[in-house]
Amino acid sequence: MKFRFIVILSGLLLMQKAELIAGGENRPAGSRSAALGTASVALNDIWSAFNNQAGLARLSDASAAVYYENRFMLKELGYKAGAFALPVKAGTIGLSFGHFGYSAYNESKIGLAFAKAFGKHIAFGLQLDYNMARLAESYGNRNFITFEAGVLANITPQLAIGAHIYNPVSAKLSEFNDERAPVIFRLGAAYEITPKFLLTAETEKDINHEANFKAGIEYKLIPMLHLRGGISTNPASNAFGVGIFAGDFVIDISTSYHYVLGFSPQASIAYKF
């Protein structure tokens, strides 16, 4: 039991970059993203509702998806997420929800997004977030509102560049010690080397910490099966996974591996209406 508590605490501190647990983290979602080392800021799929809302503008069908991650094989560090996107005449409306943690410590985020494409090359996305964090005993509850925004530029049919910012207003969590949610920038690209190979890479920067470089590759073995792999530098980890396409369903399975804390399996399923 003592060892389990140490592992849980280590995982929480790692995901908060070794600071006091404050809450308000912006967690990516979707097993495709996870398998690519979360280098997904330049991709467009239903999980753009978490990874870069501008990507929602490229969706042609209404879609819904759910995701679960068992961080370091501990149910206390489980992360559940869901997303819904509806293309309308003016653009695409997105709704997302994420919940991380367990009874003693948990975080939740509800997002309402709108994305619009301007021609074939540029798309913008904006999302309003309501965040909640709870740590039992002395910490109590912390709730705040912030926003995030992204842009996706299709330079050529093969090359896309994405940029995203989370919480640019540095929303305050608590008056005590001027506690604030992190401000996070992401910049990356996705390049279709051949019709079968896709390469993604990005840099993520929390303004209070060192940059994290991430990269991934996706191989379309057959139309129904895609193979993926990825790396991340801060913290150092690697990942791999598969995507299964069955009609209007997409099933993604992946796992990432941290060199100290071990494996984190993920799974997601999406459906196009």
Protein backbone atom coordinates (compact mmCIF):
# COMPACT_ATOMS: atom_id res chain seq x y z
CA MET A 1 0.00 0.00 0.00
CA LYS A 2 2.82 2.40 0.86
CA PHE A 3 4.55 1.66 -2.45
CA ARG A 4 1.28 2.23 -4.34
CA PHE A 5 0.83 5.60 -2.64
CA ILE A 6 4.39 6.61 -3.56
CA VAL A 7 3.80 5.66 -7.20
CA ILE A 8 0.51 7.62 -7.31
CA LEU A 9 2.15 10.68 -5.76
CA SER A 10 5.13 10.39 -8.12
CA GLY A 11 2.77 10.22 -11.09
CA LEU A 12 0.84 13.29 -9.96
CA LEU A 13 4.02 15.26 -9.39
CA LEU A 14 5.41 14.18 -12.76
CA MET A 15 2.29 15.29 -14.60
CA GLN A 16 2.37 18.61 -12.74
CA LYS A 17 6.09 18.94 -13.63
CA ALA A 18 7.18 18.52 -10.02
CA GLU A 19 5.36 21.60 -8.74
CA LEU A 20 2.81 21.63 -5.95
CA ILE A 21 -0.36 20.16 -7.43
CA ALA A 22 -2.27 23.16 -8.67
CA GLY A 23 -4.66 21.85 -11.30
CA GLY A 24 -5.67 23.32 -14.61
CA GLU A 25 -3.44 21.14 -16.79
CA ASN A 26 -4.34 20.84 -20.47
CA ARG A 27 -4.28 17.13 -21.28
CA PRO A 28 -4.38 15.84 -24.87
CA ALA A 29 -6.86 13.09 -25.71
CA GLY A 30 -7.31 10.31 -28.24
CA SER A 31 -5.28 7.13 -28.71
CA ARG A 32 -4.06 8.27 -32.11
CA SER A 33 -2.49 11.31 -30.49
CA ALA A 34 -1.08 9.18 -27.64
CA ALA A 35 0.52 6.70 -30.07
CA LEU A 36 2.21 9.60 -31.90
CA GLY A 37 3.83 10.89 -28.70
CA THR A 38 0.93 13.41 -28.49
CA ALA A 39 2.42 15.26 -31.49
CA SER A 40 -1.07 16.11 -32.75
CA VAL A 41 -1.36 19.90 -32.98
CA ALA A 42 -1.32 19.74 -36.81
CA LEU A 43 -3.82 16.88 -37.18
CA ASN A 44 -7.53 17.17 -37.84
CA ASP A 45 -9.91 14.62 -36.33
CA ILE A 46 -12.56 14.50 -33.61
CA TRP A 47 -9.82 14.75 -30.96
CA SER A 48 -8.94 18.22 -32.24
CA ALA A 49 -11.52 19.21 -29.61
CA PHE A 50 -8.64 18.70 -27.15
CA ASN A 51 -5.48 18.96 -29.26
CA ASN A 52 -6.13 21.97 -31.53
CA GLN A 53 -9.69 23.17 -32.02
CA ALA A 54 -8.88 24.55 -35.49
CA GLY A 55 -8.78 20.96 -36.75
CA LEU A 56 -12.52 20.62 -36.09
CA ALA A 57 -13.15 22.94 -39.05
CA ARG A 58 -11.93 20.21 -41.42
CA LEU A 59 -14.50 17.64 -40.27
CA SER A 60 -17.23 16.93 -42.82
CA ASP A 61 -19.49 14.73 -40.66
CA ALA A 62 -20.96 14.94 -37.18
CA SER A 63 -18.77 12.80 -34.91
CA ALA A 64 -18.63 11.56 -31.35
CA ALA A 65 -15.83 9.81 -29.47
CA VAL A 66 -14.78 8.51 -26.06
CA TYR A 67 -11.30 7.88 -24.64
CA TYR A 68 -9.74 6.25 -21.59
CA GLU A 69 -6.15 6.20 -20.36
CA ASN A 70 -4.90 4.12 -17.44
CA ARG A 71 -1.85 6.18 -16.50
CA PHE A 72 0.99 4.00 -15.18
CA MET A 73 -1.51 1.12 -14.79
CA LEU A 74 -3.11 2.81 -11.77
CA LYS A 75 -6.87 3.38 -11.67
CA GLU A 76 -6.28 6.40 -9.42
CA LEU A 77 -4.53 8.11 -12.34
CA GLY A 78 -7.22 7.26 -14.88
CA TYR A 79 -8.15 9.85 -17.50
CA LYS A 80 -11.56 9.77 -19.20
CA ALA A 81 -12.56 12.05 -22.07
CA GLY A 82 -15.33 12.51 -24.58
CA ALA A 83 -15.94 14.77 -27.56
CA PHE A 84 -18.74 15.69 -29.96
CA ALA A 85 -18.45 17.78 -33.12
CA LEU A 86 -21.22 19.10 -35.36
CA PRO A 87 -20.43 20.82 -38.66
CA VAL A 88 -22.92 23.60 -39.42
CA LYS A 89 -23.15 26.20 -42.17
CA ALA A 90 -21.10 28.77 -40.26
CA GLY A 91 -18.38 26.36 -39.08
CA THR A 92 -18.07 23.48 -36.60
CA ILE A 93 -19.33 23.38 -33.03
CA GLY A 94 -17.48 21.16 -30.57
CA LEU A 95 -18.23 19.99 -27.05
CA SER A 96 -15.68 18.14 -24.91
CA PHE A 97 -15.30 16.80 -21.39
CA GLY A 98 -12.31 15.36 -19.55
CA HIS A 99 -11.88 13.93 -16.03
CA PHE A 100 -8.61 12.87 -14.42
CA GLY A 101 -7.90 11.34 -11.03
CA TYR A 102 -9.85 9.76 -8.18
CA SER A 103 -11.74 10.76 -5.03
CA ALA A 104 -8.75 12.26 -3.17
CA TYR A 105 -7.52 14.28 -6.15
CA ASN A 106 -9.25 14.95 -9.45
CA GLU A 107 -9.51 17.49 -12.24
CA SER A 108 -12.28 18.04 -14.77
CA LYS A 109 -12.61 20.27 -17.82
CA ILE A 110 -15.66 21.13 -19.94
CA GLY A 111 -15.01 22.84 -23.28
CA LEU A 112 -17.26 24.54 -25.81
CA ALA A 113 -15.54 25.20 -29.14
CA PHE A 114 -16.20 26.85 -32.47
CA ALA A 115 -13.97 26.35 -35.51
CA LYS A 116 -14.15 27.86 -38.98
CA ALA A 117 -12.21 27.32 -42.19
CA PHE A 118 -11.31 30.24 -44.44
CA GLY A 119 -10.81 28.62 -47.80
CA LYS A 120 -8.72 25.50 -48.30
CA HIS A 121 -5.63 26.68 -46.48
CA ILE A 122 -6.46 28.32 -43.14
CA ALA A 123 -8.70 27.32 -40.22
CA PHE A 124 -9.14 28.86 -36.77
CA GLY A 125 -10.61 27.45 -33.58
CA LEU A 126 -11.57 28.95 -30.22
CA GLN A 127 -12.71 27.15 -27.08
CA LEU A 128 -14.10 28.34 -23.76
CA ASP A 129 -13.08 26.10 -20.83
CA TYR A 130 -14.54 25.59 -17.38
CA ASN A 131 -11.99 23.83 -15.17
CA MET A 132 -12.47 22.20 -11.80
CA ALA A 133 -9.83 20.78 -9.45
CA ARG A 134 -10.35 19.05 -6.12
CA LEU A 135 -7.80 17.88 -3.57
CA ALA A 136 -9.25 16.40 -0.40
CA GLU A 137 -8.62 17.85 3.04
CA SER A 138 -6.79 21.20 3.12
CA TYR A 139 -6.78 22.14 -0.58
CA GLY A 140 -10.50 22.00 -1.26
CA ASN A 141 -11.98 22.96 -4.63
CA ARG A 142 -10.60 25.27 -7.31
CA ASN A 143 -12.74 26.35 -10.27
CA PHE A 144 -11.82 28.76 -13.03
CA ILE A 145 -12.75 29.80 -16.57
CA THR A 146 -10.22 30.27 -19.34
CA PHE A 147 -9.94 29.78 -23.09
CA GLU A 148 -7.70 28.22 -25.73
CA ALA A 149 -7.24 28.93 -29.41
CA GLY A 150 -5.56 27.38 -32.41
CA VAL A 151 -4.78 27.80 -36.08
CA LEU A 152 -4.23 25.14 -38.75
CA ALA A 153 -2.57 26.03 -42.04
CA ASN A 154 -2.58 23.59 -44.96
CA ILE A 155 0.50 24.82 -46.79
CA THR A 156 0.25 22.09 -49.44
CA PRO A 157 -1.97 18.98 -49.71
CA GLN A 158 0.86 17.10 -47.98
CA LEU A 159 2.00 19.64 -45.35
CA ALA A 160 0.01 21.14 -42.47
CA ILE A 161 1.27 23.45 -39.73
CA GLY A 162 -0.61 23.91 -36.46
CA ALA A 163 -0.27 26.30 -33.53
CA HIS A 164 -2.21 26.32 -30.27
CA ILE A 165 -2.26 28.26 -27.01
CA TYR A 166 -3.95 27.23 -23.77
CA ASN A 167 -4.87 29.68 -21.02
CA PRO A 168 -3.18 32.82 -22.43
CA VAL A 169 -4.79 34.89 -19.65
CA SER A 170 -2.94 32.88 -16.95
CA ALA A 171 -6.15 32.27 -15.02
CA LYS A 172 -5.85 32.40 -11.24
CA LEU A 173 -6.65 29.30 -9.21
CA SER A 174 -6.21 30.76 -5.76
CA GLU A 175 -5.24 33.96 -3.99
CA PHE A 176 -2.80 31.96 -1.87
CA ASN A 177 0.70 32.34 -3.31
CA ASP A 178 -0.88 33.74 -6.51
CA GLU A 179 -1.61 30.20 -7.68
CA ARG A 180 -2.27 30.08 -11.45
CA ALA A 181 -3.04 27.53 -14.14
CA PRO A 182 -0.25 26.94 -16.68
CA VAL A 183 0.09 28.82 -19.96
CA ILE A 184 1.02 26.33 -22.70
CA PHE A 185 2.09 26.95 -26.32
CA ARG A 186 2.29 24.27 -29.02
CA LEU A 187 3.70 24.54 -32.53
CA GLY A 188 4.08 21.65 -34.95
CA ALA A 189 3.64 20.14 -38.38
CA ALA A 190 2.27 17.04 -40.08
CA TYR A 191 3.85 15.93 -43.35
CA GLU A 192 2.57 13.18 -45.62
CA ILE A 193 5.85 11.72 -46.89
CA THR A 194 3.97 9.29 -49.14
CA PRO A 195 0.29 8.31 -49.28
CA LYS A 196 1.17 5.61 -46.72
CA PHE A 197 3.54 7.50 -44.37
CA LEU A 198 2.63 10.47 -42.18
CA LEU A 199 5.24 12.21 -40.02
CA THR A 200 4.27 14.55 -37.17
CA ALA A 201 6.45 16.72 -34.94
CA GLU A 202 5.87 19.53 -32.49
CA THR A 203 7.28 21.53 -29.61
CA GLU A 204 5.23 22.17 -26.49
CA LYS A 205 6.24 24.93 -24.08
CA ASP A 206 4.83 25.60 -20.63
CA ILE A 207 6.07 29.12 -19.87
CA ASN A 208 7.40 27.93 -16.51
CA HIS A 209 9.26 24.86 -17.75
CA GLU A 210 11.58 23.48 -20.40
CA ALA A 211 10.17 22.72 -23.83
CA ASN A 212 8.95 19.24 -24.70
CA PHE A 213 9.77 17.93 -28.20
CA LYS A 214 7.46 15.25 -29.59
CA ALA A 215 7.38 13.31 -32.84
CA GLY A 216 5.43 10.44 -34.34
CA ILE A 217 4.97 8.41 -37.49
CA GLU A 218 1.88 6.72 -38.91
CA TYR A 219 1.99 3.93 -41.50
CA LYS A 220 -1.13 2.87 -43.42
CA LEU A 221 -0.48 -0.86 -43.64
CA ILE A 222 -3.86 -1.37 -45.32
CA PRO A 223 -6.85 0.99 -45.50
CA MET A 224 -8.39 -0.66 -42.43
CA LEU A 225 -5.23 -0.78 -40.29
CA HIS A 226 -2.77 2.01 -39.41
CA LEU A 227 0.39 1.48 -37.36
CA ARG A 228 1.83 4.28 -35.21
CA GLY A 229 4.81 5.13 -33.04
CA GLY A 230 6.04 8.22 -31.20
CA ILE A 231 8.48 9.77 -28.74
CA SER A 232 8.47 12.59 -26.21
CA THR A 233 11.45 14.22 -24.48
CA ASN A 234 10.05 15.89 -21.33
CA PRO A 235 9.44 13.50 -19.70
CA ALA A 236 11.32 10.97 -21.82
CA SER A 237 8.89 8.35 -23.10
CA ASN A 238 7.92 6.44 -26.21
CA ALA A 239 4.62 5.15 -27.54
CA PHE A 240 3.08 2.90 -30.15
CA GLY A 241 -0.41 1.89 -31.26
CA VAL A 242 -2.82 0.91 -34.01
CA GLY A 243 -5.88 2.39 -35.66
CA ILE A 244 -8.68 0.14 -36.92
CA PHE A 245 -11.17 1.53 -39.45
CA ALA A 246 -14.49 -0.30 -39.67
CA GLY A 247 -17.09 1.64 -41.63
CA ASP A 248 -18.13 4.69 -39.64
CA PHE A 249 -16.21 3.48 -36.58
CA VAL A 250 -12.57 4.18 -35.78
CA ILE A 251 -11.01 2.18 -32.94
CA ASP A 252 -7.60 3.31 -31.70
CA ILE A 253 -5.47 1.38 -29.22
CA SER A 254 -2.12 2.56 -27.88
CA THR A 255 0.29 2.55 -24.98
CA SER A 256 3.06 4.87 -23.87
CA TYR A 257 6.06 3.91 -21.75
CA HIS A 258 7.79 6.07 -19.15
CA TYR A 259 11.26 4.81 -18.29
CA VAL A 260 10.67 5.04 -14.53
CA LEU A 261 6.92 4.65 -13.96
CA GLY A 262 6.11 2.16 -16.72
CA PHE A 263 3.26 1.66 -19.17
CA SER A 264 0.11 3.74 -19.71
CA PRO A 265 -2.40 1.95 -21.98
CA GLN A 266 -5.00 4.00 -23.88
CA ALA A 267 -8.05 3.26 -26.01
CA SER A 268 -10.57 5.39 -27.90
CA ILE A 269 -13.48 4.86 -30.23
CA ALA A 270 -15.03 7.38 -32.61
CA TYR A 271 -18.18 7.28 -34.71
CA LYS A 272 -19.21 9.38 -37.72
CA PHE A 273 -22.96 9.99 -38.06
